PDB file of N, CA and C in Angstrom:
ATOM      1  N   GLN A   1      12.965   1.656  21.605  1.00  0.00           N
ATOM      2  CA  GLN A   1      12.361   1.945  20.321  1.00  0.00           C
ATOM      3  C   GLN A   1      11.033   2.662  20.523  1.00  0.00           C
ATOM      4  N   VAL A   2      10.225   2.639  19.475  1.00  0.00           N
ATOM      5  CA  VAL A   2       8.945   3.319  19.505  1.00  0.00           C
ATOM      6  C   VAL A   2       7.878   2.353  19.001  1.00  0.00           C
ATOM      7  N   GLN A   3       6.687   2.447  19.586  1.00  0.00           N
ATOM      8  CA  GLN A   3       5.565   1.604  19.154  1.00  0.00           C
ATOM      9  C   GLN A   3       4.689   2.413  18.198  1.00  0.00           C
ATOM     10  N   LEU A   4       4.262   1.765  17.108  1.00  0.00           N
ATOM     11  CA  LEU A   4       3.524   2.455  16.052  1.00  0.00           C
ATOM     12  C   LEU A   4       2.213   1.736  15.761  1.00  0.00           C
ATOM     13  N   VAL A   5       1.146   2.524  15.608  1.00  0.00           N
ATOM     14  CA  VAL A   5      -0.164   1.958  15.289  1.00  0.00           C
ATOM     15  C   VAL A   5      -0.783   2.775  14.157  1.00  0.00           C
ATOM     16  N   GLU A   6      -1.019   2.105  13.022  1.00  0.00           N
ATOM     17  CA  GLU A   6      -1.625   2.762  11.875  1.00  0.00           C
ATOM     18  C   GLU A   6      -3.144   2.660  11.928  1.00  0.00           C
ATOM     19  N   SER A   7      -3.802   3.616  11.277  1.00  0.00           N
ATOM     20  CA  SER A   7      -5.255   3.591  11.134  1.00  0.00           C
ATOM     21  C   SER A   7      -5.634   4.399   9.903  1.00  0.00           C
ATOM     22  N   GLY A   8      -6.897   4.252   9.487  1.00  0.00           N
ATOM     23  CA  GLY A   8      -7.398   5.060   8.392  1.00  0.00           C
ATOM     24  C   GLY A   8      -7.529   4.347   7.066  1.00  0.00           C
ATOM     25  N   GLY A   9      -7.116   3.097   7.018  1.00  0.00           N
ATOM     26  CA  GLY A   9      -7.266   2.365   5.774  1.00  0.00           C
ATOM     27  C   GLY A   9      -8.725   2.036   5.478  1.00  0.00           C
ATOM     28  N   GLY A  10      -8.961   1.517   4.283  1.00  0.00           N
ATOM     29  CA  GLY A  10     -10.322   1.149   3.913  1.00  0.00           C
ATOM     30  C   GLY A  10     -10.458   0.884   2.432  1.00  0.00           C
ATOM     31  N   LEU A  11     -11.697   0.820   1.991  1.00  0.00           N
ATOM     32  CA  LEU A  11     -12.025   0.580   0.577  1.00  0.00           C
ATOM     33  C   LEU A  11     -12.461   1.900  -0.051  1.00  0.00           C
ATOM     34  N   VAL A  12     -11.879   2.214  -1.188  1.00  0.00           N
ATOM     35  CA  VAL A  12     -12.199   3.467  -1.866  1.00  0.00           C
ATOM     36  C   VAL A  12     -12.191   3.229  -3.368  1.00  0.00           C
ATOM     37  N   GLN A  13     -12.960   4.014  -4.089  1.00  0.00           N
ATOM     38  CA  GLN A  13     -12.994   3.879  -5.544  1.00  0.00           C
ATOM     39  C   GLN A  13     -11.821   4.618  -6.180  1.00  0.00           C
ATOM     40  N   THR A  14     -11.512   4.226  -7.391  1.00  0.00           N
ATOM     41  CA  THR A  14     -10.470   4.909  -8.158  1.00  0.00           C
ATOM     42  C   THR A  14     -10.756   6.414  -8.211  1.00  0.00           C
ATOM     43  N   GLY A  15      -9.735   7.199  -7.941  1.00  0.00           N
ATOM     44  CA  GLY A  15      -9.876   8.643  -7.917  1.00  0.00           C
ATOM     45  C   GLY A  15     -10.202   9.204  -6.550  1.00  0.00           C
ATOM     46  N   GLY A  16     -10.509   8.333  -5.607  1.00  0.00           N
ATOM     47  CA  GLY A  16     -10.858   8.771  -4.265  1.00  0.00           C
ATOM     48  C   GLY A  16      -9.648   9.098  -3.412  1.00  0.00           C
ATOM     49  N   SER A  17      -9.925   9.430  -2.153  1.00  0.00           N
ATOM     50  CA  SER A  17      -8.884   9.837  -1.217  1.00  0.00           C
ATOM     51  C   SER A  17      -9.029   9.105   0.110  1.00  0.00           C
ATOM     52  N   LEU A  18      -7.912   8.953   0.770  1.00  0.00           N
ATOM     53  CA  LEU A  18      -7.860   8.420   2.133  1.00  0.00           C
ATOM     54  C   LEU A  18      -6.749   9.144   2.869  1.00  0.00           C
ATOM     55  N   ARG A  19      -6.899   9.247   4.188  1.00  0.00           N
ATOM     56  CA  ARG A  19      -5.803   9.757   5.004  1.00  0.00           C
ATOM     57  C   ARG A  19      -5.459   8.716   6.061  1.00  0.00           C
ATOM     58  N   LEU A  20      -4.234   8.266   6.011  1.00  0.00           N
ATOM     59  CA  LEU A  20      -3.732   7.326   6.998  1.00  0.00           C
ATOM     60  C   LEU A  20      -3.067   8.085   8.139  1.00  0.00           C
ATOM     61  N   SER A  21      -3.190   7.517   9.324  1.00  0.00           N
ATOM     62  CA  SER A  21      -2.530   8.072  10.499  1.00  0.00           C
ATOM     63  C   SER A  21      -1.663   6.995  11.137  1.00  0.00           C
ATOM     64  N   CYS A  22      -0.623   7.420  11.790  1.00  0.00           N
ATOM     65  CA  CYS A  22       0.247   6.501  12.517  1.00  0.00           C
ATOM     66  C   CYS A  22       0.585   7.163  13.847  1.00  0.00           C
ATOM     67  N   ALA A  23       0.085   6.576  14.924  1.00  0.00           N
ATOM     68  CA  ALA A  23       0.318   7.105  16.262  1.00  0.00           C
ATOM     69  C   ALA A  23       1.505   6.403  16.897  1.00  0.00           C
ATOM     70  N   ALA A  24       2.389   7.185  17.476  1.00  0.00           N
ATOM     71  CA  ALA A  24       3.599   6.648  18.076  1.00  0.00           C
ATOM     72  C   ALA A  24       3.571   6.801  19.591  1.00  0.00           C
ATOM     73  N   SER A  25       4.203   5.860  20.262  1.00  0.00           N
ATOM     74  CA  SER A  25       4.357   5.936  21.711  1.00  0.00           C
ATOM     75  C   SER A  25       5.702   5.333  22.076  1.00  0.00           C
ATOM     76  N   GLY A  26       6.169   5.691  23.242  1.00  0.00           N
ATOM     77  CA  GLY A  26       7.467   5.193  23.674  1.00  0.00           C
ATOM     78  C   GLY A  26       8.479   6.312  23.716  1.00  0.00           C
ATOM     79  N   ARG A  27       9.518   6.202  22.953  1.00  0.00           N
ATOM     80  CA  ARG A  27      10.562   7.229  22.924  1.00  0.00           C
ATOM     81  C   ARG A  27      10.061   8.514  22.271  1.00  0.00           C
ATOM     82  N   THR A  28      10.789   9.591  22.468  1.00  0.00           N
ATOM     83  CA  THR A  28      10.415  10.896  21.941  1.00  0.00           C
ATOM     84  C   THR A  28      10.256  10.845  20.430  1.00  0.00           C
ATOM     85  N   PHE A  29       9.043  11.150  19.992  1.00  0.00           N
ATOM     86  CA  PHE A  29       8.676  11.011  18.582  1.00  0.00           C
ATOM     87  C   PHE A  29       9.556  11.860  17.681  1.00  0.00           C
ATOM     88  N   SER A  30       9.929  13.042  18.136  1.00  0.00           N
ATOM     89  CA  SER A  30      10.691  13.956  17.289  1.00  0.00           C
ATOM     90  C   SER A  30      12.132  13.513  17.064  1.00  0.00           C
ATOM     91  N   THR A  31      12.553  12.425  17.679  1.00  0.00           N
ATOM     92  CA  THR A  31      13.899  11.908  17.427  1.00  0.00           C
ATOM     93  C   THR A  31      13.914  10.898  16.284  1.00  0.00           C
ATOM     94  N   PHE A  32      12.772  10.738  15.623  1.00  0.00           N
ATOM     95  CA  PHE A  32      12.675   9.749  14.552  1.00  0.00           C
ATOM     96  C   PHE A  32      12.303  10.386  13.220  1.00  0.00           C
ATOM     97  N   THR A  33      13.026   9.987  12.177  1.00  0.00           N
ATOM     98  CA  THR A  33      12.539  10.162  10.818  1.00  0.00           C
ATOM     99  C   THR A  33      11.452   9.122  10.617  1.00  0.00           C
ATOM    100  N   MET A  34      10.376   9.498   9.950  1.00  0.00           N
ATOM    101  CA  MET A  34       9.263   8.571   9.751  1.00  0.00           C
ATOM    102  C   MET A  34       9.094   8.239   8.274  1.00  0.00           C
ATOM    103  N   GLY A  35       8.698   7.001   8.031  1.00  0.00           N
ATOM    104  CA  GLY A  35       8.487   6.555   6.659  1.00  0.00           C
ATOM    105  C   GLY A  35       7.180   5.808   6.516  1.00  0.00           C
ATOM    106  N   TRP A  36       6.686   5.792   5.293  1.00  0.00           N
ATOM    107  CA  TRP A  36       5.533   4.971   4.925  1.00  0.00           C
ATOM    108  C   TRP A  36       5.975   3.996   3.838  1.00  0.00           C
ATOM    109  N   PHE A  37       5.555   2.751   3.984  1.00  0.00           N
ATOM    110  CA  PHE A  37       5.824   1.708   3.016  1.00  0.00           C
ATOM    111  C   PHE A  37       4.514   0.995   2.719  1.00  0.00           C
ATOM    112  N   ARG A  38       4.493   0.221   1.651  1.00  0.00           N
ATOM    113  CA  ARG A  38       3.297  -0.556   1.353  1.00  0.00           C
ATOM    114  C   ARG A  38       3.703  -1.890   0.742  1.00  0.00           C
ATOM    115  N   GLN A  39       2.784  -2.852   0.859  1.00  0.00           N
ATOM    116  CA  GLN A  39       3.038  -4.176   0.305  1.00  0.00           C
ATOM    117  C   GLN A  39       1.774  -4.691  -0.349  1.00  0.00           C
ATOM    118  N   ALA A  40       1.845  -4.908  -1.648  1.00  0.00           N
ATOM    119  CA  ALA A  40       0.735  -5.474  -2.395  1.00  0.00           C
ATOM    120  C   ALA A  40       0.825  -6.998  -2.322  1.00  0.00           C
ATOM    121  N   PRO A  41      -0.290  -7.692  -2.532  1.00  0.00           N
ATOM    122  CA  PRO A  41      -0.282  -9.154  -2.479  1.00  0.00           C
ATOM    123  C   PRO A  41       0.731  -9.731  -3.451  1.00  0.00           C
ATOM    124  N   GLY A  42       1.562 -10.612  -2.953  1.00  0.00           N
ATOM    125  CA  GLY A  42       2.540 -11.276  -3.796  1.00  0.00           C
ATOM    126  C   GLY A  42       3.737 -10.441  -4.186  1.00  0.00           C
ATOM    127  N   LYS A  43       3.841  -9.242  -3.623  1.00  0.00           N
ATOM    128  CA  LYS A  43       4.956  -8.350  -3.968  1.00  0.00           C
ATOM    129  C   LYS A  43       5.760  -7.999  -2.720  1.00  0.00           C
ATOM    130  N   GLU A  44       6.953  -7.479  -2.958  1.00  0.00           N
ATOM    131  CA  GLU A  44       7.785  -7.052  -1.850  1.00  0.00           C
ATOM    132  C   GLU A  44       7.301  -5.709  -1.291  1.00  0.00           C
ATOM    133  N   ARG A  45       7.637  -5.487  -0.054  1.00  0.00           N
ATOM    134  CA  ARG A  45       7.311  -4.212   0.567  1.00  0.00           C
ATOM    135  C   ARG A  45       8.127  -3.106  -0.112  1.00  0.00           C
ATOM    136  N   GLU A  46       7.460  -1.988  -0.391  1.00  0.00           N
ATOM    137  CA  GLU A  46       8.135  -0.912  -1.107  1.00  0.00           C
ATOM    138  C   GLU A  46       7.944   0.427  -0.411  1.00  0.00           C
ATOM    139  N   PHE A  47       8.893   1.305  -0.651  1.00  0.00           N
ATOM    140  CA  PHE A  47       8.886   2.641  -0.074  1.00  0.00           C
ATOM    141  C   PHE A  47       7.805   3.499  -0.711  1.00  0.00           C
ATOM    142  N   VAL A  48       7.172   4.333   0.116  1.00  0.00           N
ATOM    143  CA  VAL A  48       6.159   5.265  -0.369  1.00  0.00           C
ATOM    144  C   VAL A  48       6.587   6.712  -0.117  1.00  0.00           C
ATOM    145  N   ALA A  49       6.911   7.020   1.154  1.00  0.00           N
ATOM    146  CA  ALA A  49       7.246   8.408   1.494  1.00  0.00           C
ATOM    147  C   ALA A  49       8.002   8.444   2.816  1.00  0.00           C
ATOM    148  N   ALA A  50       8.737   9.520   3.031  1.00  0.00           N
ATOM    149  CA  ALA A  50       9.452   9.723   4.289  1.00  0.00           C
ATOM    150  C   ALA A  50       9.415  11.201   4.646  1.00  0.00           C
ATOM    151  N   ILE A  51       9.557  11.470   5.944  1.00  0.00           N
ATOM    152  CA  ILE A  51       9.529  12.853   6.417  1.00  0.00           C
ATOM    153  C   ILE A  51      10.548  13.011   7.538  1.00  0.00           C
ATOM    154  N   SER A  52      11.244  14.133   7.524  1.00  0.00           N
ATOM    155  CA  SER A  52      12.272  14.385   8.528  1.00  0.00           C
ATOM    156  C   SER A  52      11.670  14.604   9.907  1.00  0.00           C
ATOM    157  N   TRP A  53      12.536  14.592  10.904  1.00  0.00           N
ATOM    158  CA  TRP A  53      12.076  14.682  12.290  1.00  0.00           C
ATOM    159  C   TRP A  53      11.268  15.959  12.554  1.00  0.00           C
ATOM    160  N   ASP A  54      11.613  17.041  11.831  1.00  0.00           N
ATOM    161  CA  ASP A  54      10.957  18.325  12.045  1.00  0.00           C
ATOM    162  C   ASP A  54       9.889  18.626  11.004  1.00  0.00           C
ATOM    163  N   GLY A  55       9.654  17.702  10.084  1.00  0.00           N
ATOM    164  CA  GLY A  55       8.624  17.901   9.086  1.00  0.00           C
ATOM    165  C   GLY A  55       9.014  18.793   7.929  1.00  0.00           C
ATOM    166  N   VAL A  56      10.256  19.254   7.904  1.00  0.00           N
ATOM    167  CA  VAL A  56      10.674  20.205   6.871  1.00  0.00           C
ATOM    168  C   VAL A  56      10.966  19.504   5.542  1.00  0.00           C
ATOM    169  N   ARG A  57      11.613  18.368   5.622  1.00  0.00           N
ATOM    170  CA  ARG A  57      12.004  17.643   4.402  1.00  0.00           C
ATOM    171  C   ARG A  57      11.115  16.435   4.185  1.00  0.00           C
ATOM    172  N   THR A  58      10.753  16.213   2.931  1.00  0.00           N
ATOM    173  CA  THR A  58       9.972  15.037   2.553  1.00  0.00           C
ATOM    174  C   THR A  58      10.586  14.389   1.324  1.00  0.00           C
ATOM    175  N   TYR A  59      10.220  13.149   1.122  1.00  0.00           N
ATOM    176  CA  TYR A  59      10.790  12.351   0.026  1.00  0.00           C
ATOM    177  C   TYR A  59       9.717  11.356  -0.384  1.00  0.00           C
ATOM    178  N   TYR A  60       9.495  11.236  -1.714  1.00  0.00           N
ATOM    179  CA  TYR A  60       8.423  10.380  -2.215  1.00  0.00           C
ATOM    180  C   TYR A  60       8.927   9.421  -3.282  1.00  0.00           C
ATOM    181  N   ALA A  61       8.281   8.281  -3.335  1.00  0.00           N
ATOM    182  CA  ALA A  61       8.485   7.392  -4.470  1.00  0.00           C
ATOM    183  C   ALA A  61       7.885   8.047  -5.706  1.00  0.00           C
ATOM    184  N   ASP A  62       8.489   7.800  -6.853  1.00  0.00           N
ATOM    185  CA  ASP A  62       7.997   8.406  -8.090  1.00  0.00           C
ATOM    186  C   ASP A  62       6.537   8.048  -8.356  1.00  0.00           C
ATOM    187  N   SER A  63       6.142   6.856  -7.948  1.00  0.00           N
ATOM    188  CA  SER A  63       4.793   6.368  -8.248  1.00  0.00           C
ATOM    189  C   SER A  63       3.700   7.134  -7.514  1.00  0.00           C
ATOM    190  N   VAL A  64       4.058   7.851  -6.454  1.00  0.00           N
ATOM    191  CA  VAL A  64       3.043   8.568  -5.666  1.00  0.00           C
ATOM    192  C   VAL A  64       3.258  10.078  -5.662  1.00  0.00           C
ATOM    193  N   LYS A  65       4.354  10.527  -6.246  1.00  0.00           N
ATOM    194  CA  LYS A  65       4.676  11.952  -6.237  1.00  0.00           C
ATOM    195  C   LYS A  65       3.564  12.750  -6.890  1.00  0.00           C
ATOM    196  N   GLY A  66       3.143  13.820  -6.222  1.00  0.00           N
ATOM    197  CA  GLY A  66       2.066  14.651  -6.737  1.00  0.00           C
ATOM    198  C   GLY A  66       0.680  14.199  -6.315  1.00  0.00           C
ATOM    199  N   ARG A  67       0.575  12.991  -5.773  1.00  0.00           N
ATOM    200  CA  ARG A  67      -0.732  12.472  -5.331  1.00  0.00           C
ATOM    201  C   ARG A  67      -0.796  12.273  -3.823  1.00  0.00           C
ATOM    202  N   PHE A  68       0.320  11.902  -3.229  1.00  0.00           N
ATOM    203  CA  PHE A  68       0.377  11.630  -1.798  1.00  0.00           C
ATOM    204  C   PHE A  68       1.157  12.742  -1.099  1.00  0.00           C
ATOM    205  N   THR A  69       0.767  13.006   0.159  1.00  0.00           N
ATOM    206  CA  THR A  69       1.466  13.996   0.972  1.00  0.00           C
ATOM    207  C   THR A  69       1.689  13.432   2.369  1.00  0.00           C
ATOM    208  N   VAL A  70       2.939  13.445   2.798  1.00  0.00           N
ATOM    209  CA  VAL A  70       3.268  12.994   4.144  1.00  0.00           C
ATOM    210  C   VAL A  70       3.444  14.224   5.032  1.00  0.00           C
ATOM    211  N   SER A  71       2.958  14.121   6.256  1.00  0.00           N
ATOM    212  CA  SER A  71       3.094  15.218   7.213  1.00  0.00           C
ATOM    213  C   SER A  71       3.171  14.623   8.611  1.00  0.00           C
ATOM    214  N   ARG A  72       3.508  15.453   9.578  1.00  0.00           N
ATOM    215  CA  ARG A  72       3.580  14.962  10.953  1.00  0.00           C
ATOM    216  C   ARG A  72       3.216  16.078  11.916  1.00  0.00           C
ATOM    217  N   ASP A  73       2.734  15.659  13.076  1.00  0.00           N
ATOM    218  CA  ASP A  73       2.433  16.582  14.171  1.00  0.00           C
ATOM    219  C   ASP A  73       3.155  16.040  15.394  1.00  0.00           C
ATOM    220  N   ASN A  74       4.287  16.615  15.708  1.00  0.00           N
ATOM    221  CA  ASN A  74       5.084  16.105  16.824  1.00  0.00           C
ATOM    222  C   ASN A  74       4.394  16.309  18.168  1.00  0.00           C
ATOM    223  N   ALA A  75       3.530  17.294  18.263  1.00  0.00           N
ATOM    224  CA  ALA A  75       2.797  17.506  19.508  1.00  0.00           C
ATOM    225  C   ALA A  75       1.797  16.377  19.754  1.00  0.00           C
ATOM    226  N   LYS A  76       1.350  15.743  18.681  1.00  0.00           N
ATOM    227  CA  LYS A  76       0.394  14.630  18.795  1.00  0.00           C
ATOM    228  C   LYS A  76       1.046  13.277  18.579  1.00  0.00           C
ATOM    229  N   ASN A  77       2.369  13.270  18.368  1.00  0.00           N
ATOM    230  CA  ASN A  77       3.097  12.014  18.133  1.00  0.00           C
ATOM    231  C   ASN A  77       2.482  11.215  16.988  1.00  0.00           C
ATOM    232  N   THR A  78       2.153  11.909  15.909  1.00  0.00           N
ATOM    233  CA  THR A  78       1.442  11.268  14.809  1.00  0.00           C
ATOM    234  C   THR A  78       2.014  11.706  13.464  1.00  0.00           C
ATOM    235  N   VAL A  79       2.105  10.743  12.567  1.00  0.00           N
ATOM    236  CA  VAL A  79       2.474  11.020  11.177  1.00  0.00           C
ATOM    237  C   VAL A  79       1.301  10.633  10.299  1.00  0.00           C
ATOM    238  N   TYR A  80       1.128  11.384   9.216  1.00  0.00           N
ATOM    239  CA  TYR A  80      -0.019  11.193   8.335  1.00  0.00           C
ATOM    240  C   TYR A  80       0.431  10.920   6.911  1.00  0.00           C
ATOM    241  N   LEU A  81      -0.448  10.255   6.170  1.00  0.00           N
ATOM    242  CA  LEU A  81      -0.238  10.090   4.734  1.00  0.00           C
ATOM    243  C   LEU A  81      -1.563  10.407   4.048  1.00  0.00           C
ATOM    244  N   GLN A  82      -1.626  11.565   3.421  1.00  0.00           N
ATOM    245  CA  GLN A  82      -2.812  11.940   2.655  1.00  0.00           C
ATOM    246  C   GLN A  82      -2.658  11.386   1.249  1.00  0.00           C
ATOM    247  N   MET A  83      -3.611  10.583   0.836  1.00  0.00           N
ATOM    248  CA  MET A  83      -3.543   9.914  -0.464  1.00  0.00           C
ATOM    249  C   MET A  83      -4.715  10.379  -1.319  1.00  0.00           C
ATOM    250  N   ASN A  84      -4.406  11.035  -2.411  1.00  0.00           N
ATOM    251  CA  ASN A  84      -5.416  11.525  -3.346  1.00  0.00           C
ATOM    252  C   ASN A  84      -5.263  10.837  -4.700  1.00  0.00           C
ATOM    253  N   SER A  85      -6.291  10.955  -5.515  1.00  0.00           N
ATOM    254  CA  SER A  85      -6.266  10.375  -6.867  1.00  0.00           C
ATOM    255  C   SER A  85      -5.812   8.924  -6.834  1.00  0.00           C
ATOM    256  N   LEU A  86      -6.401   8.168  -5.954  1.00  0.00           N
ATOM    257  CA  LEU A  86      -5.977   6.784  -5.756  1.00  0.00           C
ATOM    258  C   LEU A  86      -6.252   5.931  -6.982  1.00  0.00           C
ATOM    259  N   LYS A  87      -5.358   4.969  -7.195  1.00  0.00           N
ATOM    260  CA  LYS A  87      -5.435   4.049  -8.323  1.00  0.00           C
ATOM    261  C   LYS A  87      -5.478   2.622  -7.796  1.00  0.00           C
ATOM    262  N   PRO A  88      -5.979   1.686  -8.588  1.00  0.00           N
ATOM    263  CA  PRO A  88      -5.992   0.283  -8.144  1.00  0.00           C
ATOM    264  C   PRO A  88      -4.605  -0.227  -7.761  1.00  0.00           C
ATOM    265  N   GLU A  89      -3.575   0.256  -8.431  1.00  0.00           N
ATOM    266  CA  GLU A  89      -2.218  -0.193  -8.110  1.00  0.00           C
ATOM    267  C   GLU A  89      -1.708   0.360  -6.773  1.00  0.00           C
ATOM    268  N   ASP A  90      -2.464   1.217  -6.126  1.00  0.00           N
ATOM    269  CA  ASP A  90      -2.111   1.678  -4.780  1.00  0.00           C
ATOM    270  C   ASP A  90      -2.607   0.705  -3.710  1.00  0.00           C
ATOM    271  N   THR A  91      -3.344  -0.298  -4.113  1.00  0.00           N
ATOM    272  CA  THR A  91      -3.862  -1.291  -3.170  1.00  0.00           C
ATOM    273  C   THR A  91      -2.737  -2.022  -2.465  1.00  0.00           C
ATOM    274  N   GLY A  92      -2.904  -2.215  -1.150  1.00  0.00           N
ATOM    275  CA  GLY A  92      -1.907  -2.956  -0.381  1.00  0.00           C
ATOM    276  C   GLY A  92      -2.045  -2.661   1.099  1.00  0.00           C
ATOM    277  N   VAL A  93      -1.178  -3.279   1.867  1.00  0.00           N
ATOM    278  CA  VAL A  93      -1.087  -2.981   3.289  1.00  0.00           C
ATOM    279  C   VAL A  93      -0.053  -1.879   3.458  1.00  0.00           C
ATOM    280  N   TYR A  94      -0.452  -0.829   4.143  1.00  0.00           N
ATOM    281  CA  TYR A  94       0.418   0.320   4.359  1.00  0.00           C
ATOM    282  C   TYR A  94       0.976   0.288   5.780  1.00  0.00           C
ATOM    283  N   TYR A  95       2.288   0.457   5.852  1.00  0.00           N
ATOM    284  CA  TYR A  95       2.996   0.409   7.120  1.00  0.00           C
ATOM    285  C   TYR A  95       3.700   1.735   7.380  1.00  0.00           C
ATOM    286  N   CYS A  96       3.658   2.185   8.626  1.00  0.00           N
ATOM    287  CA  CYS A  96       4.550   3.277   8.979  1.00  0.00           C
ATOM    288  C   CYS A  96       5.752   2.690   9.707  1.00  0.00           C
ATOM    289  N   ALA A  97       6.850   3.421   9.645  1.00  0.00           N
ATOM    290  CA  ALA A  97       8.099   2.947  10.210  1.00  0.00           C
ATOM    291  C   ALA A  97       8.907   4.129  10.742  1.00  0.00           C
ATOM    292  N   ALA A  98       9.747   3.842  11.717  1.00  0.00           N
ATOM    293  CA  ALA A  98      10.548   4.886  12.358  1.00  0.00           C
ATOM    294  C   ALA A  98      12.031   4.600  12.197  1.00  0.00           C
ATOM    295  N   LYS A  99      12.764   5.637  11.839  1.00  0.00           N
ATOM    296  CA  LYS A  99      14.221   5.560  11.682  1.00  0.00           C
ATOM    297  C   LYS A  99      14.846   6.484  12.718  1.00  0.00           C
ATOM    298  N   ASP A 100      15.645   5.918  13.579  1.00  0.00           N
ATOM    299  CA  ASP A 100      16.250   6.678  14.665  1.00  0.00           C
ATOM    300  C   ASP A 100      17.279   7.673  14.116  1.00  0.00           C
ATOM    301  N   THR A 101      17.139   8.951  14.465  1.00  0.00           N
ATOM    302  CA  THR A 101      18.073   9.956  13.952  1.00  0.00           C
ATOM    303  C   THR A 101      19.465   9.818  14.555  1.00  0.00           C
ATOM    304  N   ARG A 102      19.618   8.983  15.586  1.00  0.00           N
ATOM    305  CA  ARG A 102      20.964   8.730  16.112  1.00  0.00           C
ATOM    306  C   ARG A 102      21.830   8.064  15.053  1.00  0.00           C
ATOM    307  N   TYR A 103      21.202   7.430  14.084  1.00  0.00           N
ATOM    308  CA  TYR A 103      21.941   6.728  13.040  1.00  0.00           C
ATOM    309  C   TYR A 103      21.984   7.519  11.734  1.00  0.00           C
ATOM    310  N   GLY A 104      21.651   8.794  11.804  1.00  0.00           N
ATOM    311  CA  GLY A 104      21.717   9.627  10.618  1.00  0.00           C
ATOM    312  C   GLY A 104      20.447  10.426  10.419  1.00  0.00           C
ATOM    313  N   TRP A 105      20.607  11.611   9.811  1.00  0.00           N
ATOM    314  CA  TRP A 105      19.488  12.528   9.627  1.00  0.00           C
ATOM    315  C   TRP A 105      18.833  12.394   8.258  1.00  0.00           C
ATOM    316  N   GLY A 106      19.394  11.565   7.407  1.00  0.00           N
ATOM    317  CA  GLY A 106      18.882  11.497   6.045  1.00  0.00           C
ATOM    318  C   GLY A 106      17.551  10.788   5.937  1.00  0.00           C
ATOM    319  N   LEU A 107      16.818  11.114   4.871  1.00  0.00           N
ATOM    320  CA  LEU A 107      15.573  10.423   4.562  1.00  0.00           C
ATOM    321  C   LEU A 107      15.924   9.194   3.738  1.00  0.00           C
ATOM    322  N   SER A 108      15.381   8.068   4.116  1.00  0.00           N
ATOM    323  CA  SER A 108      15.773   6.815   3.476  1.00  0.00           C
ATOM    324  C   SER A 108      14.569   6.103   2.872  1.00  0.00           C
ATOM    325  N   ASP A 109      14.833   5.416   1.762  1.00  0.00           N
ATOM    326  CA  ASP A 109      13.805   4.564   1.153  1.00  0.00           C
ATOM    327  C   ASP A 109      14.125   3.077   1.354  1.00  0.00           C
ATOM    328  N   ARG A 110      15.083   2.788   2.233  1.00  0.00           N
ATOM    329  CA  ARG A 110      15.504   1.405   2.464  1.00  0.00           C
ATOM    330  C   ARG A 110      14.834   0.846   3.711  1.00  0.00           C
ATOM    331  N   LEU A 111      14.210  -0.307   3.568  1.00  0.00           N
ATOM    332  CA  LEU A 111      13.519  -0.930   4.688  1.00  0.00           C
ATOM    333  C   LEU A 111      14.457  -1.142   5.874  1.00  0.00           C
ATOM    334  N   ARG A 112      15.689  -1.541   5.592  1.00  0.00           N
ATOM    335  CA  ARG A 112      16.597  -1.928   6.673  1.00  0.00           C
ATOM    336  C   ARG A 112      17.035  -0.744   7.532  1.00  0.00           C
ATOM    337  N   ASP A 113      16.778   0.458   7.077  1.00  0.00           N
ATOM    338  CA  ASP A 113      17.146   1.625   7.867  1.00  0.00           C
ATOM    339  C   ASP A 113      16.113   1.952   8.951  1.00  0.00           C
ATOM    340  N   TYR A 114      14.981   1.306   8.895  1.00  0.00           N
ATOM    341  CA  TYR A 114      13.893   1.600   9.834  1.00  0.00           C
ATOM    342  C   TYR A 114      13.820   0.496  10.875  1.00  0.00           C
ATOM    343  N   GLY A 115      13.918   0.878  12.140  1.00  0.00           N
ATOM    344  CA  GLY A 115      14.009  -0.112  13.205  1.00  0.00           C
ATOM    345  C   GLY A 115      12.693  -0.463  13.869  1.00  0.00           C
ATOM    346  N   SER A 116      11.666   0.360  13.690  1.00  0.00           N
ATOM    347  CA  SER A 116      10.368   0.099  14.303  1.00  0.00           C
ATOM    348  C   SER A 116       9.294   0.148  13.227  1.00  0.00           C
ATOM    349  N   TRP A 117       8.337  -0.761  13.326  1.00  0.00           N
ATOM    350  CA  TRP A 117       7.277  -0.883  12.323  1.00  0.00           C
ATOM    351  C   TRP A 117       5.924  -1.049  13.007  1.00  0.00           C
ATOM    352  N   GLY A 118       4.892  -0.528  12.359  1.00  0.00           N
ATOM    353  CA  GLY A 118       3.536  -0.779  12.804  1.00  0.00           C
ATOM    354  C   GLY A 118       3.015  -2.084  12.236  1.00  0.00           C
ATOM    355  N   GLN A 119       1.776  -2.394  12.556  1.00  0.00           N
ATOM    356  CA  GLN A 119       1.186  -3.662  12.122  1.00  0.00           C
ATOM    357  C   GLN A 119       0.560  -3.560  10.735  1.00  0.00           C
ATOM    358  N   GLY A 120       0.384  -2.330  10.246  1.00  0.00           N
ATOM    359  CA  GLY A 120      -0.155  -2.125   8.905  1.00  0.00           C
ATOM    360  C   GLY A 120      -1.652  -1.878   8.889  1.00  0.00           C
ATOM    361  N   THR A 121      -2.087  -1.195   7.840  1.00  0.00           N
ATOM    362  CA  THR A 121      -3.518  -0.953   7.612  1.00  0.00           C
ATOM    363  C   THR A 121      -3.807  -1.190   6.133  1.00  0.00           C
ATOM    364  N   GLN A 122      -4.908  -1.872   5.856  1.00  0.00           N
ATOM    365  CA  GLN A 122      -5.227  -2.264   4.479  1.00  0.00           C
ATOM    366  C   GLN A 122      -5.870  -1.114   3.716  1.00  0.00           C
ATOM    367  N   VAL A 123      -5.371  -0.890   2.517  1.00  0.00           N
ATOM    368  CA  VAL A 123      -5.968   0.065   1.587  1.00  0.00           C
ATOM    369  C   VAL A 123      -6.339  -0.694   0.325  1.00  0.00           C
ATOM    370  N   THR A 124      -7.605  -0.599  -0.063  1.00  0.00           N
ATOM    371  CA  THR A 124      -8.070  -1.266  -1.270  1.00  0.00           C
ATOM    372  C   THR A 124      -8.733  -0.241  -2.173  1.00  0.00           C
ATOM    373  N   VAL A 125      -8.233  -0.150  -3.401  1.00  0.00           N
ATOM    374  CA  VAL A 125      -8.778   0.799  -4.373  1.00  0.00           C
ATOM    375  C   VAL A 125      -9.466  -0.006  -5.461  1.00  0.00           C
ATOM    376  N   SER A 126     -10.757   0.179  -5.582  1.00  0.00           N
ATOM    377  CA  SER A 126     -11.530  -0.574  -6.569  1.00  0.00           C
ATOM    378  C   SER A 126     -11.579   0.183  -7.893  1.00  0.00           C
ATOM    379  N   SER A 127     -11.606  -0.587  -8.977  1.00  0.00           N
ATOM    380  CA  SER A 127     -11.628   0.027 -10.315  1.00  0.00           C
ATOM    381  C   SER A 127     -13.046   0.243 -10.802  1.00  0.00           C
TER     382      SER A 127
END
């Protein structure tokens, strides 16, 4: 599998921006579709965004479409989540996850399709 470490979380005011990073190590990074998920206190983990192995295709949850942008740099083994126009409801722990392309090339919003997970980074948006 692949090891993932997120960074870039923090406290920001409503309307502010943050950029999360997820550094990967282990297997070849470009063999993985990458996803971002988040979990608010007392809620289930939910899908945020996904990006194909080559960065060409992206997929977003409706709640973040137009505000968040997922990207990746395969030369740096890193995936990013640029978050703009943040709202209090964006508060939560953000996780990156890897989906092995050996099991399909599609972008998925299902947790069970992702075999590797990072430890998460906290994002708090104050009102």
